[in-house]
Amino acid sequence: MENKLIVGNIKMNMKFGEIYNYLNYFKDIKSKNVVICPSYIYIPYFLNYGFDVGSQNVCSSEDGGYTGEISAKQLSSIGVNYTIVGHSERRIKLKESNLDINKKIKSSLKANLKVILCIGETKEELDLLKKDIVLKRQIRDALINIDDISDIIIAYEPVWSIGTNKIPQKQEIISTITYIKSLVYKMYKKDIKVLYGGSINEKNINDLKSVKEIDGFLIGSASINPIQFTQIINKVL
């Protein structure tokens, strides 16, 4: 069975002086099934290790007057292989729309970046039994006019699970990921990898990795602590 993909989203954490200590824990990680996504300014320090490097976001435009933005082709040009698109924190806090996300995916694919598309429902949407409707809309709108999904990975992250130490029941995760995969297959007649994300830690990873429907993990808070993150990596790979 193919190894699961492990993606660490460090988010807006760590000062410059902490980077080398962090990276020291990963010098023996020799796997392209590990992707670490640091802040833009730290990306060059993460390159040339045994793992892959991703960005936490990307601009939808290729170049031009977009002060403060970073384009997909800029990321690709320095050796970045992945980008996260549509994380719930950007959807909610920065009002990122499905149209914005669609544009970012197109720009990223054009620059030969692999896309990790984040989708997920809020607690209110879950309680109102709207989860499937929300996920379907997020997937459909994000993939409008995209013909080839070979370099797209979906990360299912229930918004209510992120940073709360609460995760769905195992059977719920299985049914949701099965639903996502079947939905995409109906659209493209192709299989797609689906990661799980939300309150993953070194204590629950053994349970989660036993779920064969999960193709990998998008890890937030636990990826900030290098000891905890490497423990998770060693348990999964």
C-alpha atoms as a PDB file:
ATOM      1  CA  MET A   1       0.000   0.000   0.000  1.00  0.00           C
ATOM      2  CA  GLU A   2       1.254   3.458  -0.882  1.00  0.00           C
ATOM      3  CA  ASN A   3       2.482   5.492   2.063  1.00  0.00           C
ATOM      4  CA  LYS A   4       0.191   8.205   3.319  1.00  0.00           C
ATOM      5  CA  LEU A   5       1.097  11.838   2.635  1.00  0.00           C
ATOM      6  CA  ILE A   6       1.892  13.930   5.696  1.00  0.00           C
ATOM      7  CA  VAL A   7       1.596  17.710   5.332  1.00  0.00           C
ATOM      8  CA  GLY A   8       2.638  20.071   8.109  1.00  0.00           C
ATOM      9  CA  ASN A   9       1.041  23.523   8.086  1.00  0.00           C
ATOM     10  CA  ILE A  10       3.166  25.598  10.449  1.00  0.00           C
ATOM     11  CA  LYS A  11       0.931  28.646   9.880  1.00  0.00           C
ATOM     12  CA  MET A  12       2.222  32.033  11.143  1.00  0.00           C
ATOM     13  CA  ASN A  13       4.564  30.643  13.779  1.00  0.00           C
ATOM     14  CA  MET A  14       8.256  30.729  14.733  1.00  0.00           C
ATOM     15  CA  LYS A  15      10.758  33.537  14.814  1.00  0.00           C
ATOM     16  CA  PHE A  16      13.894  33.376  12.697  1.00  0.00           C
ATOM     17  CA  GLY A  17      16.069  32.179  15.582  1.00  0.00           C
ATOM     18  CA  GLU A  18      13.872  29.108  16.059  1.00  0.00           C
ATOM     19  CA  ILE A  19      14.117  27.831  12.489  1.00  0.00           C
ATOM     20  CA  TYR A  20      17.451  26.021  12.701  1.00  0.00           C
ATOM     21  CA  ASN A  21      16.522  24.241  15.909  1.00  0.00           C
ATOM     22  CA  TYR A  22      13.258  23.150  14.283  1.00  0.00           C
ATOM     23  CA  LEU A  23      14.924  21.893  11.116  1.00  0.00           C
ATOM     24  CA  ASN A  24      17.522  19.956  13.103  1.00  0.00           C
ATOM     25  CA  TYR A  25      14.791  17.458  13.984  1.00  0.00           C
ATOM     26  CA  PHE A  26      14.093  16.781  10.299  1.00  0.00           C
ATOM     27  CA  LYS A  27      17.601  16.229   8.951  1.00  0.00           C
ATOM     28  CA  ASP A  28      17.048  12.454   8.929  1.00  0.00           C
ATOM     29  CA  ILE A  29      13.586  12.590   7.343  1.00  0.00           C
ATOM     30  CA  LYS A  30      14.147  11.268   3.833  1.00  0.00           C
ATOM     31  CA  SER A  31      10.691  10.997   2.357  1.00  0.00           C
ATOM     32  CA  LYS A  32       8.833  12.858  -0.336  1.00  0.00           C
ATOM     33  CA  ASN A  33       5.660  11.766   1.457  1.00  0.00           C
ATOM     34  CA  VAL A  34       6.411  14.498   3.987  1.00  0.00           C
ATOM     35  CA  VAL A  35       5.597  18.086   3.024  1.00  0.00           C
ATOM     36  CA  ILE A  36       6.296  21.026   5.334  1.00  0.00           C
ATOM     37  CA  CYS A  37       4.669  24.401   4.708  1.00  0.00           C
ATOM     38  CA  PRO A  38       6.409  27.255   6.564  1.00  0.00           C
ATOM     39  CA  SER A  39       5.777  30.993   6.294  1.00  0.00           C
ATOM     40  CA  TYR A  40       6.846  32.454   2.943  1.00  0.00           C
ATOM     41  CA  ILE A  41       9.893  34.179   4.413  1.00  0.00           C
ATOM     42  CA  TYR A  42      11.284  30.902   5.776  1.00  0.00           C
ATOM     43  CA  ILE A  43      10.762  28.713   2.713  1.00  0.00           C
ATOM     44  CA  PRO A  44      14.381  28.986   1.437  1.00  0.00           C
ATOM     45  CA  TYR A  45      15.666  27.533   4.732  1.00  0.00           C
ATOM     46  CA  PHE A  46      13.458  24.453   4.314  1.00  0.00           C
ATOM     47  CA  LEU A  47      14.619  23.592   0.811  1.00  0.00           C
ATOM     48  CA  ASN A  48      17.237  20.934   0.032  1.00  0.00           C
ATOM     49  CA  TYR A  49      16.219  18.570   2.822  1.00  0.00           C
ATOM     50  CA  GLY A  50      14.813  15.082   2.300  1.00  0.00           C
ATOM     51  CA  PHE A  51      11.202  16.250   2.503  1.00  0.00           C
ATOM     52  CA  ASP A  52       9.119  18.339   0.111  1.00  0.00           C
ATOM     53  CA  VAL A  53       8.229  21.972   0.733  1.00  0.00           C
ATOM     54  CA  GLY A  54       4.889  23.678   0.241  1.00  0.00           C
ATOM     55  CA  SER A  55       3.440  27.133   0.675  1.00  0.00           C
ATOM     56  CA  GLN A  56       0.463  27.978   2.875  1.00  0.00           C
ATOM     57  CA  ASN A  57      -1.144  30.145   0.214  1.00  0.00           C
ATOM     58  CA  VAL A  58      -0.589  31.511  -3.285  1.00  0.00           C
ATOM     59  CA  CYS A  59      -1.695  34.511  -5.341  1.00  0.00           C
ATOM     60  CA  SER A  60      -4.230  33.866  -8.099  1.00  0.00           C
ATOM     61  CA  SER A  61      -2.345  36.138 -10.522  1.00  0.00           C
ATOM     62  CA  GLU A  62       0.904  35.283 -12.277  1.00  0.00           C
ATOM     63  CA  ASP A  63       2.677  38.628 -11.826  1.00  0.00           C
ATOM     64  CA  GLY A  64       2.143  42.370 -11.806  1.00  0.00           C
ATOM     65  CA  GLY A  65       0.897  44.996  -9.368  1.00  0.00           C
ATOM     66  CA  TYR A  66      -0.030  42.820  -6.404  1.00  0.00           C
ATOM     67  CA  THR A  67       2.045  44.260  -3.581  1.00  0.00           C
ATOM     68  CA  GLY A  68       2.764  41.740  -0.854  1.00  0.00           C
ATOM     69  CA  GLU A  69       1.572  38.702  -2.833  1.00  0.00           C
ATOM     70  CA  ILE A  70       3.572  35.659  -3.969  1.00  0.00           C
ATOM     71  CA  SER A  71       2.783  33.937  -7.277  1.00  0.00           C
ATOM     72  CA  ALA A  72       2.755  30.242  -8.084  1.00  0.00           C
ATOM     73  CA  LYS A  73       5.500  30.595 -10.654  1.00  0.00           C
ATOM     74  CA  GLN A  74       7.700  32.399  -8.113  1.00  0.00           C
ATOM     75  CA  LEU A  75       7.208  29.539  -5.667  1.00  0.00           C
ATOM     76  CA  SER A  76       7.858  26.935  -8.326  1.00  0.00           C
ATOM     77  CA  SER A  77      11.017  28.727  -9.461  1.00  0.00           C
ATOM     78  CA  ILE A  78      12.715  28.253  -6.075  1.00  0.00           C
ATOM     79  CA  GLY A  79      11.791  24.595  -5.685  1.00  0.00           C
ATOM     80  CA  VAL A  80       8.440  24.619  -3.897  1.00  0.00           C
ATOM     81  CA  ASN A  81       6.328  21.650  -5.009  1.00  0.00           C
ATOM     82  CA  TYR A  82       3.008  22.097  -3.180  1.00  0.00           C
ATOM     83  CA  THR A  83       0.635  24.830  -2.128  1.00  0.00           C
ATOM     84  CA  ILE A  84      -2.293  24.812   0.274  1.00  0.00           C
ATOM     85  CA  VAL A  85      -5.370  26.521  -1.154  1.00  0.00           C
ATOM     86  CA  GLY A  86      -8.655  27.395   0.533  1.00  0.00           C
ATOM     87  CA  HIS A  87      -7.758  26.794   4.173  1.00  0.00           C
ATOM     88  CA  SER A  88     -10.740  27.577   6.404  1.00  0.00           C
ATOM     89  CA  GLU A  89      -8.769  30.276   8.230  1.00  0.00           C
ATOM     90  CA  ARG A  90      -8.456  32.147   4.935  1.00  0.00           C
ATOM     91  CA  ARG A  91     -12.050  31.462   3.960  1.00  0.00           C
ATOM     92  CA  ILE A  92     -13.350  32.782   7.281  1.00  0.00           C
ATOM     93  CA  LYS A  93     -10.856  35.429   8.455  1.00  0.00           C
ATOM     94  CA  LEU A  94      -9.841  36.783   5.047  1.00  0.00           C
ATOM     95  CA  LYS A  95     -13.187  36.243   3.290  1.00  0.00           C
ATOM     96  CA  GLU A  96     -11.646  34.106   0.557  1.00  0.00           C
ATOM     97  CA  SER A  97     -14.371  32.955  -1.834  1.00  0.00           C
ATOM     98  CA  ASN A  98     -14.713  29.772  -3.876  1.00  0.00           C
ATOM     99  CA  LEU A  99     -14.059  31.902  -6.968  1.00  0.00           C
ATOM    100  CA  ASP A 100     -10.763  33.119  -5.447  1.00  0.00           C
ATOM    101  CA  ILE A 101      -9.851  29.532  -4.662  1.00  0.00           C
ATOM    102  CA  ASN A 102     -10.664  28.388  -8.203  1.00  0.00           C
ATOM    103  CA  LYS A 103      -8.371  31.066  -9.651  1.00  0.00           C
ATOM    104  CA  LYS A 104      -5.563  30.084  -7.281  1.00  0.00           C
ATOM    105  CA  ILE A 105      -5.845  26.439  -8.260  1.00  0.00           C
ATOM    106  CA  LYS A 106      -5.645  27.274 -11.969  1.00  0.00           C
ATOM    107  CA  SER A 107      -2.620  29.515 -11.437  1.00  0.00           C
ATOM    108  CA  SER A 108      -0.896  26.857  -9.316  1.00  0.00           C
ATOM    109  CA  LEU A 109      -1.473  24.031 -11.784  1.00  0.00           C
ATOM    110  CA  LYS A 110      -0.173  26.207 -14.616  1.00  0.00           C
ATOM    111  CA  ALA A 111       3.055  26.654 -12.622  1.00  0.00           C
ATOM    112  CA  ASN A 112       3.279  22.867 -12.012  1.00  0.00           C
ATOM    113  CA  LEU A 113       2.526  23.077  -8.307  1.00  0.00           C
ATOM    114  CA  LYS A 114       0.566  20.309  -6.626  1.00  0.00           C
ATOM    115  CA  VAL A 115      -2.517  21.726  -4.936  1.00  0.00           C
ATOM    116  CA  ILE A 116      -3.850  20.756  -1.520  1.00  0.00           C
ATOM    117  CA  LEU A 117      -7.451  21.980  -1.623  1.00  0.00           C
ATOM    118  CA  CYS A 118      -8.966  22.400   1.843  1.00  0.00           C
ATOM    119  CA  ILE A 119     -12.672  21.847   2.364  1.00  0.00           C
ATOM    120  CA  GLY A 120     -14.790  21.437   5.483  1.00  0.00           C
ATOM    121  CA  GLU A 121     -17.975  22.329   7.291  1.00  0.00           C
ATOM    122  CA  THR A 122     -18.548  24.538  10.332  1.00  0.00           C
ATOM    123  CA  LYS A 123     -20.238  23.291  13.495  1.00  0.00           C
ATOM    124  CA  GLU A 124     -23.423  25.122  12.544  1.00  0.00           C
ATOM    125  CA  GLU A 125     -23.459  23.506   9.097  1.00  0.00           C
ATOM    126  CA  LEU A 126     -22.866  20.108  10.689  1.00  0.00           C
ATOM    127  CA  ASP A 127     -25.702  20.578  13.181  1.00  0.00           C
ATOM    128  CA  LEU A 128     -28.058  21.700  10.412  1.00  0.00           C
ATOM    129  CA  LEU A 129     -27.204  18.523   8.439  1.00  0.00           C
ATOM    130  CA  LYS A 130     -25.703  20.600   5.636  1.00  0.00           C
ATOM    131  CA  LYS A 131     -22.251  18.997   5.597  1.00  0.00           C
ATOM    132  CA  ASP A 132     -22.658  17.120   2.304  1.00  0.00           C
ATOM    133  CA  ILE A 133     -24.189  20.149   0.590  1.00  0.00           C
ATOM    134  CA  VAL A 134     -21.356  22.400   1.786  1.00  0.00           C
ATOM    135  CA  LEU A 135     -18.622  19.976   0.728  1.00  0.00           C
ATOM    136  CA  LYS A 136     -20.207  19.433  -2.676  1.00  0.00           C
ATOM    137  CA  ARG A 137     -20.434  23.175  -3.293  1.00  0.00           C
ATOM    138  CA  GLN A 138     -16.843  23.778  -2.179  1.00  0.00           C
ATOM    139  CA  ILE A 139     -15.519  21.033  -4.458  1.00  0.00           C
ATOM    140  CA  ARG A 140     -17.698  21.945  -7.452  1.00  0.00           C
ATOM    141  CA  ASP A 141     -16.896  25.667  -7.298  1.00  0.00           C
ATOM    142  CA  ALA A 142     -13.189  25.155  -6.678  1.00  0.00           C
ATOM    143  CA  LEU A 143     -12.824  22.871  -9.700  1.00  0.00           C
ATOM    144  CA  ILE A 144     -14.831  24.866 -12.266  1.00  0.00           C
ATOM    145  CA  ASN A 145     -13.214  24.643 -15.728  1.00  0.00           C
ATOM    146  CA  ILE A 146     -10.359  22.495 -14.474  1.00  0.00           C
ATOM    147  CA  ASP A 147      -9.930  19.514 -16.786  1.00  0.00           C
ATOM    148  CA  ASP A 148      -7.086  17.620 -15.150  1.00  0.00           C
ATOM    149  CA  ILE A 149      -7.114  16.892 -11.400  1.00  0.00           C
ATOM    150  CA  SER A 150      -3.959  14.744 -11.411  1.00  0.00           C
ATOM    151  CA  ASP A 151      -2.060  17.293  -9.293  1.00  0.00           C
ATOM    152  CA  ILE A 152      -4.917  18.111  -6.915  1.00  0.00           C
ATOM    153  CA  ILE A 153      -5.280  16.601  -3.453  1.00  0.00           C
ATOM    154  CA  ILE A 154      -8.268  17.333  -1.241  1.00  0.00           C
ATOM    155  CA  ALA A 155      -7.808  17.898   2.497  1.00  0.00           C
ATOM    156  CA  TYR A 156     -10.991  17.387   4.473  1.00  0.00           C
ATOM    157  CA  GLU A 157     -10.786  19.525   7.613  1.00  0.00           C
ATOM    158  CA  PRO A 158     -13.964  19.949   9.661  1.00  0.00           C
ATOM    159  CA  VAL A 159     -13.745  23.596  10.722  1.00  0.00           C
ATOM    160  CA  TRP A 160     -15.137  22.728  14.152  1.00  0.00           C
ATOM    161  CA  SER A 161     -12.284  20.265  14.715  1.00  0.00           C
ATOM    162  CA  ILE A 162      -9.359  22.595  14.004  1.00  0.00           C
ATOM    163  CA  GLY A 163      -7.556  23.455  17.241  1.00  0.00           C
ATOM    164  CA  THR A 164     -10.330  22.073  19.450  1.00  0.00           C
ATOM    165  CA  ASN A 165      -8.995  18.584  20.254  1.00  0.00           C
ATOM    166  CA  LYS A 166     -12.270  17.210  18.925  1.00  0.00           C
ATOM    167  CA  ILE A 167     -12.348  14.903  15.927  1.00  0.00           C
ATOM    168  CA  PRO A 168     -15.215  13.132  14.169  1.00  0.00           C
ATOM    169  CA  GLN A 169     -15.972   9.513  14.979  1.00  0.00           C
ATOM    170  CA  LYS A 170     -14.004   7.076  12.832  1.00  0.00           C
ATOM    171  CA  GLN A 171     -17.080   5.928  10.921  1.00  0.00           C
ATOM    172  CA  GLU A 172     -18.025   9.536  10.242  1.00  0.00           C
ATOM    173  CA  ILE A 173     -14.583  10.216   8.777  1.00  0.00           C
ATOM    174  CA  ILE A 174     -14.861   7.107   6.608  1.00  0.00           C
ATOM    175  CA  SER A 175     -18.285   8.048   5.264  1.00  0.00           C
ATOM    176  CA  THR A 176     -17.283  11.663   4.577  1.00  0.00           C
ATOM    177  CA  ILE A 177     -14.087  10.763   2.742  1.00  0.00           C
ATOM    178  CA  THR A 178     -15.929   8.072   0.774  1.00  0.00           C
ATOM    179  CA  TYR A 179     -18.523  10.695  -0.169  1.00  0.00           C
ATOM    180  CA  ILE A 180     -15.817  13.145  -1.314  1.00  0.00           C
ATOM    181  CA  LYS A 181     -14.056  10.516  -3.420  1.00  0.00           C
ATOM    182  CA  SER A 182     -17.271   9.315  -5.031  1.00  0.00           C
ATOM    183  CA  LEU A 183     -18.305  12.892  -5.794  1.00  0.00           C
ATOM    184  CA  VAL A 184     -15.019  13.665  -7.541  1.00  0.00           C
ATOM    185  CA  TYR A 185     -15.098  10.341  -9.399  1.00  0.00           C
ATOM    186  CA  LYS A 186     -18.545  11.161 -10.779  1.00  0.00           C
ATOM    187  CA  MET A 187     -17.202  14.498 -11.999  1.00  0.00           C
ATOM    188  CA  TYR A 188     -13.897  13.320 -13.505  1.00  0.00           C
ATOM    189  CA  LYS A 189     -13.959   9.512 -13.663  1.00  0.00           C
ATOM    190  CA  LYS A 190     -10.664   9.667 -11.776  1.00  0.00           C
ATOM    191  CA  ASP A 191      -9.655   8.818  -8.235  1.00  0.00           C
ATOM    192  CA  ILE A 192      -8.386  11.581  -5.985  1.00  0.00           C
ATOM    193  CA  LYS A 193      -6.374  11.487  -2.783  1.00  0.00           C
ATOM    194  CA  VAL A 194      -8.130  12.815   0.303  1.00  0.00           C
ATOM    195  CA  LEU A 195      -6.272  13.828   3.451  1.00  0.00           C
ATOM    196  CA  TYR A 196      -7.792  14.314   6.885  1.00  0.00           C
ATOM    197  CA  GLY A 197      -6.975  17.329   9.051  1.00  0.00           C
ATOM    198  CA  GLY A 198      -8.183  18.654  12.406  1.00  0.00           C
ATOM    199  CA  SER A 199      -6.755  18.180  15.914  1.00  0.00           C
ATOM    200  CA  ILE A 200      -4.317  15.452  14.875  1.00  0.00           C
ATOM    201  CA  ASN A 201      -1.705  14.619  17.503  1.00  0.00           C
ATOM    202  CA  GLU A 202       0.708  11.854  18.479  1.00  0.00           C
ATOM    203  CA  LYS A 203      -1.970  10.242  20.661  1.00  0.00           C
ATOM    204  CA  ASN A 204      -4.720   9.814  18.062  1.00  0.00           C
ATOM    205  CA  ILE A 205      -2.578   9.260  14.963  1.00  0.00           C
ATOM    206  CA  ASN A 206      -2.432   5.473  15.350  1.00  0.00           C
ATOM    207  CA  ASP A 207      -6.211   5.295  15.295  1.00  0.00           C
ATOM    208  CA  LEU A 208      -6.458   7.634  12.329  1.00  0.00           C
ATOM    209  CA  LYS A 209      -3.759   5.953  10.264  1.00  0.00           C
ATOM    210  CA  SER A 210      -5.682   2.677  10.459  1.00  0.00           C
ATOM    211  CA  VAL A 211      -8.478   4.218   8.373  1.00  0.00           C
ATOM    212  CA  LYS A 212      -7.651   2.965   4.880  1.00  0.00           C
ATOM    213  CA  GLU A 213      -9.858   5.593   3.226  1.00  0.00           C
ATOM    214  CA  ILE A 214      -7.541   8.351   4.515  1.00  0.00           C
ATOM    215  CA  ASP A 215      -4.667   8.974   2.087  1.00  0.00           C
ATOM    216  CA  GLY A 216      -2.745  11.209   4.451  1.00  0.00           C
ATOM    217  CA  PHE A 217      -2.936  14.021   6.964  1.00  0.00           C
ATOM    218  CA  LEU A 218      -2.856  17.812   7.033  1.00  0.00           C
ATOM    219  CA  ILE A 219      -1.421  18.664  10.426  1.00  0.00           C
ATOM    220  CA  GLY A 220      -1.596  22.129  11.972  1.00  0.00           C
ATOM    221  CA  SER A 221      -0.756  22.732  15.633  1.00  0.00           C
ATOM    222  CA  ALA A 222       1.157  19.473  16.079  1.00  0.00           C
ATOM    223  CA  SER A 223       3.497  20.382  13.205  1.00  0.00           C
ATOM    224  CA  ILE A 224       4.742  23.447  15.093  1.00  0.00           C
ATOM    225  CA  ASN A 225       6.350  21.235  17.738  1.00  0.00           C
ATOM    226  CA  PRO A 226       9.171  19.336  15.971  1.00  0.00           C
ATOM    227  CA  ILE A 227       9.264  16.542  18.564  1.00  0.00           C
ATOM    228  CA  GLN A 228       5.541  15.918  18.282  1.00  0.00           C
ATOM    229  CA  PHE A 229       5.568  16.221  14.497  1.00  0.00           C
ATOM    230  CA  THR A 230       8.455  13.792  13.988  1.00  0.00           C
ATOM    231  CA  GLN A 231       6.726  11.318  16.319  1.00  0.00           C
ATOM    232  CA  ILE A 232       3.654  11.484  14.097  1.00  0.00           C
ATOM    233  CA  ILE A 233       5.759  11.063  10.942  1.00  0.00           C
ATOM    234  CA  ASN A 234       7.561   8.037  12.338  1.00  0.00           C
ATOM    235  CA  LYS A 235       4.277   6.430  13.366  1.00  0.00           C
ATOM    236  CA  VAL A 236       2.720   6.894   9.943  1.00  0.00           C
ATOM    237  CA  LEU A 237       5.592   6.187   7.541  1.00  0.00           C
END
